[in-house]
Amino acid sequence: MFTMDAIYPVSDFSRKPAEHIKRLKATGKPEILTVNGKAEIVIQDAKAYEEMVDLLETLKKIATAAKAHDEGKGIPADEFFEKFEQKHGLKGEAIQD
């Protein structure tokens, strides 16, 4: 995920923030900022961050569903859809976007 060309001293970011922002937007990849040679902070474009958070939320939902399945808490898909159609009055209707 991180490469050596994505590691910068925080002082470089302070001197040239526009350069970093332009690169972050162009690549969508995060950068590591260092203080005294030690990684201290990660920065990234807001759009890339939002996509990462959305992906994480999706993965959490998948993990929760997988756990429920493993614990025998799931129901067969045909049973789910039958209940869903009854609840929403969709029996025999085509679902449209």
C-alpha atoms as a PDB file:
ATOM      1  CA  MET A   1       0.000   0.000   0.000  1.00  0.00           C
ATOM      2  CA  PHE A   2       2.734   2.466   0.918  1.00  0.00           C
ATOM      3  CA  THR A   3       5.847   2.890  -1.150  1.00  0.00           C
ATOM      4  CA  MET A   4       9.028   4.744  -0.361  1.00  0.00           C
ATOM      5  CA  ASP A   5       8.027   7.538  -2.731  1.00  0.00           C
ATOM      6  CA  ALA A   6       4.947   8.209  -0.568  1.00  0.00           C
ATOM      7  CA  ILE A   7       6.924   9.075   2.578  1.00  0.00           C
ATOM      8  CA  TYR A   8       7.754  12.717   3.247  1.00  0.00           C
ATOM      9  CA  PRO A   9       8.961  14.823   6.161  1.00  0.00           C
ATOM     10  CA  VAL A  10       6.164  16.909   7.655  1.00  0.00           C
ATOM     11  CA  SER A  11       8.354  19.965   7.008  1.00  0.00           C
ATOM     12  CA  ASP A  12       8.156  19.234   3.263  1.00  0.00           C
ATOM     13  CA  PHE A  13       4.371  19.174   3.501  1.00  0.00           C
ATOM     14  CA  SER A  14       4.435  22.458   5.438  1.00  0.00           C
ATOM     15  CA  ARG A  15       6.577  24.124   2.762  1.00  0.00           C
ATOM     16  CA  LYS A  16       4.720  22.748  -0.265  1.00  0.00           C
ATOM     17  CA  PRO A  17       1.158  21.806   0.702  1.00  0.00           C
ATOM     18  CA  ALA A  18      -0.296  22.534  -2.767  1.00  0.00           C
ATOM     19  CA  GLU A  19       2.167  20.105  -4.334  1.00  0.00           C
ATOM     20  CA  HIS A  20       1.139  17.359  -1.921  1.00  0.00           C
ATOM     21  CA  ILE A  21      -2.567  18.043  -2.354  1.00  0.00           C
ATOM     22  CA  LYS A  22      -2.236  17.925  -6.136  1.00  0.00           C
ATOM     23  CA  ARG A  23      -0.408  14.576  -5.915  1.00  0.00           C
ATOM     24  CA  LEU A  24      -2.912  13.154  -3.408  1.00  0.00           C
ATOM     25  CA  LYS A  25      -5.842  14.049  -5.674  1.00  0.00           C
ATOM     26  CA  ALA A  26      -4.092  12.706  -8.778  1.00  0.00           C
ATOM     27  CA  THR A  27      -3.046   9.356  -7.304  1.00  0.00           C
ATOM     28  CA  GLY A  28      -5.788   8.770  -4.728  1.00  0.00           C
ATOM     29  CA  LYS A  29      -3.074   7.156  -2.604  1.00  0.00           C
ATOM     30  CA  PRO A  30      -2.168   8.217   0.942  1.00  0.00           C
ATOM     31  CA  GLU A  31       1.146   9.681   2.026  1.00  0.00           C
ATOM     32  CA  ILE A  32       3.035   9.163   5.254  1.00  0.00           C
ATOM     33  CA  LEU A  33       4.449  12.246   6.938  1.00  0.00           C
ATOM     34  CA  THR A  34       7.406  11.818   9.249  1.00  0.00           C
ATOM     35  CA  VAL A  35       8.757  13.764  12.202  1.00  0.00           C
ATOM     36  CA  ASN A  36      12.425  13.171  12.989  1.00  0.00           C
ATOM     37  CA  GLY A  37      12.402  10.213  10.583  1.00  0.00           C
ATOM     38  CA  LYS A  38       9.524   8.474  12.340  1.00  0.00           C
ATOM     39  CA  ALA A  39       6.112   7.963  10.711  1.00  0.00           C
ATOM     40  CA  GLU A  40       3.650  10.195  12.556  1.00  0.00           C
ATOM     41  CA  ILE A  41       0.655  10.848  10.320  1.00  0.00           C
ATOM     42  CA  VAL A  42      -1.067   9.593   7.196  1.00  0.00           C
ATOM     43  CA  ILE A  43      -2.779  12.033   4.838  1.00  0.00           C
ATOM     44  CA  GLN A  44      -5.048  11.268   1.941  1.00  0.00           C
ATOM     45  CA  ASP A  45      -7.480  12.843  -0.490  1.00  0.00           C
ATOM     46  CA  ALA A  46     -11.009  13.254   0.917  1.00  0.00           C
ATOM     47  CA  LYS A  47     -12.615  11.288  -1.939  1.00  0.00           C
ATOM     48  CA  ALA A  48     -10.207   8.381  -1.465  1.00  0.00           C
ATOM     49  CA  TYR A  49     -10.869   8.459   2.295  1.00  0.00           C
ATOM     50  CA  GLU A  50     -14.623   8.380   1.736  1.00  0.00           C
ATOM     51  CA  GLU A  51     -14.273   5.403  -0.618  1.00  0.00           C
ATOM     52  CA  MET A  52     -12.128   3.625   1.973  1.00  0.00           C
ATOM     53  CA  VAL A  53     -14.699   4.212   4.725  1.00  0.00           C
ATOM     54  CA  ASP A  54     -17.516   2.973   2.466  1.00  0.00           C
ATOM     55  CA  LEU A  55     -15.518  -0.162   1.681  1.00  0.00           C
ATOM     56  CA  LEU A  56     -14.812  -0.750   5.367  1.00  0.00           C
ATOM     57  CA  GLU A  57     -18.511  -0.436   6.216  1.00  0.00           C
ATOM     58  CA  THR A  58     -19.369  -2.931   3.481  1.00  0.00           C
ATOM     59  CA  LEU A  59     -16.734  -5.361   4.749  1.00  0.00           C
ATOM     60  CA  LYS A  60     -18.128  -5.069   8.284  1.00  0.00           C
ATOM     61  CA  LYS A  61     -21.610  -5.934   6.989  1.00  0.00           C
ATOM     62  CA  ILE A  62     -20.217  -8.938   5.110  1.00  0.00           C
ATOM     63  CA  ALA A  63     -18.344 -10.103   8.226  1.00  0.00           C
ATOM     64  CA  THR A  64     -21.503  -9.749  10.333  1.00  0.00           C
ATOM     65  CA  ALA A  65     -23.525 -11.735   7.792  1.00  0.00           C
ATOM     66  CA  ALA A  66     -20.831 -14.420   7.558  1.00  0.00           C
ATOM     67  CA  LYS A  67     -20.752 -14.740  11.340  1.00  0.00           C
ATOM     68  CA  ALA A  68     -24.546 -15.037  11.491  1.00  0.00           C
ATOM     69  CA  HIS A  69     -24.404 -17.714   8.797  1.00  0.00           C
ATOM     70  CA  ASP A  70     -21.686 -19.634  10.649  1.00  0.00           C
ATOM     71  CA  GLU A  71     -23.814 -19.498  13.804  1.00  0.00           C
ATOM     72  CA  GLY A  72     -26.813 -20.881  11.936  1.00  0.00           C
ATOM     73  CA  LYS A  73     -28.781 -17.647  12.218  1.00  0.00           C
ATOM     74  CA  GLY A  74     -29.366 -17.153   8.498  1.00  0.00           C
ATOM     75  CA  ILE A  75     -32.451 -18.095   6.498  1.00  0.00           C
ATOM     76  CA  PRO A  76     -32.637 -19.515   2.974  1.00  0.00           C
ATOM     77  CA  ALA A  77     -32.821 -16.847   0.234  1.00  0.00           C
ATOM     78  CA  ASP A  78     -36.175 -18.075  -1.120  1.00  0.00           C
ATOM     79  CA  GLU A  79     -37.684 -17.781   2.362  1.00  0.00           C
ATOM     80  CA  PHE A  80     -36.275 -14.263   2.761  1.00  0.00           C
ATOM     81  CA  PHE A  81     -37.618 -13.091  -0.607  1.00  0.00           C
ATOM     82  CA  GLU A  82     -41.026 -14.583   0.080  1.00  0.00           C
ATOM     83  CA  LYS A  83     -41.258 -12.702   3.397  1.00  0.00           C
ATOM     84  CA  PHE A  84     -39.881  -9.534   1.779  1.00  0.00           C
ATOM     85  CA  GLU A  85     -42.450  -9.652  -1.023  1.00  0.00           C
ATOM     86  CA  GLN A  86     -45.281 -10.211   1.462  1.00  0.00           C
ATOM     87  CA  LYS A  87     -44.108  -7.394   3.724  1.00  0.00           C
ATOM     88  CA  HIS A  88     -43.837  -4.911   0.864  1.00  0.00           C
ATOM     89  CA  GLY A  89     -46.785  -6.122  -1.189  1.00  0.00           C
ATOM     90  CA  LEU A  90     -44.625  -7.109  -4.146  1.00  0.00           C
ATOM     91  CA  LYS A  91     -45.835 -10.645  -4.777  1.00  0.00           C
ATOM     92  CA  GLY A  92     -45.970 -11.179  -8.520  1.00  0.00           C
ATOM     93  CA  GLU A  93     -44.808  -7.622  -9.310  1.00  0.00           C
ATOM     94  CA  ALA A  94     -41.660  -6.751 -11.180  1.00  0.00           C
ATOM     95  CA  ILE A  95     -39.275  -4.698  -9.075  1.00  0.00           C
ATOM     96  CA  GLN A  96     -37.986  -1.632 -10.905  1.00  0.00           C
ATOM     97  CA  ASP A  97     -35.064   0.640 -10.127  1.00  0.00           C
END
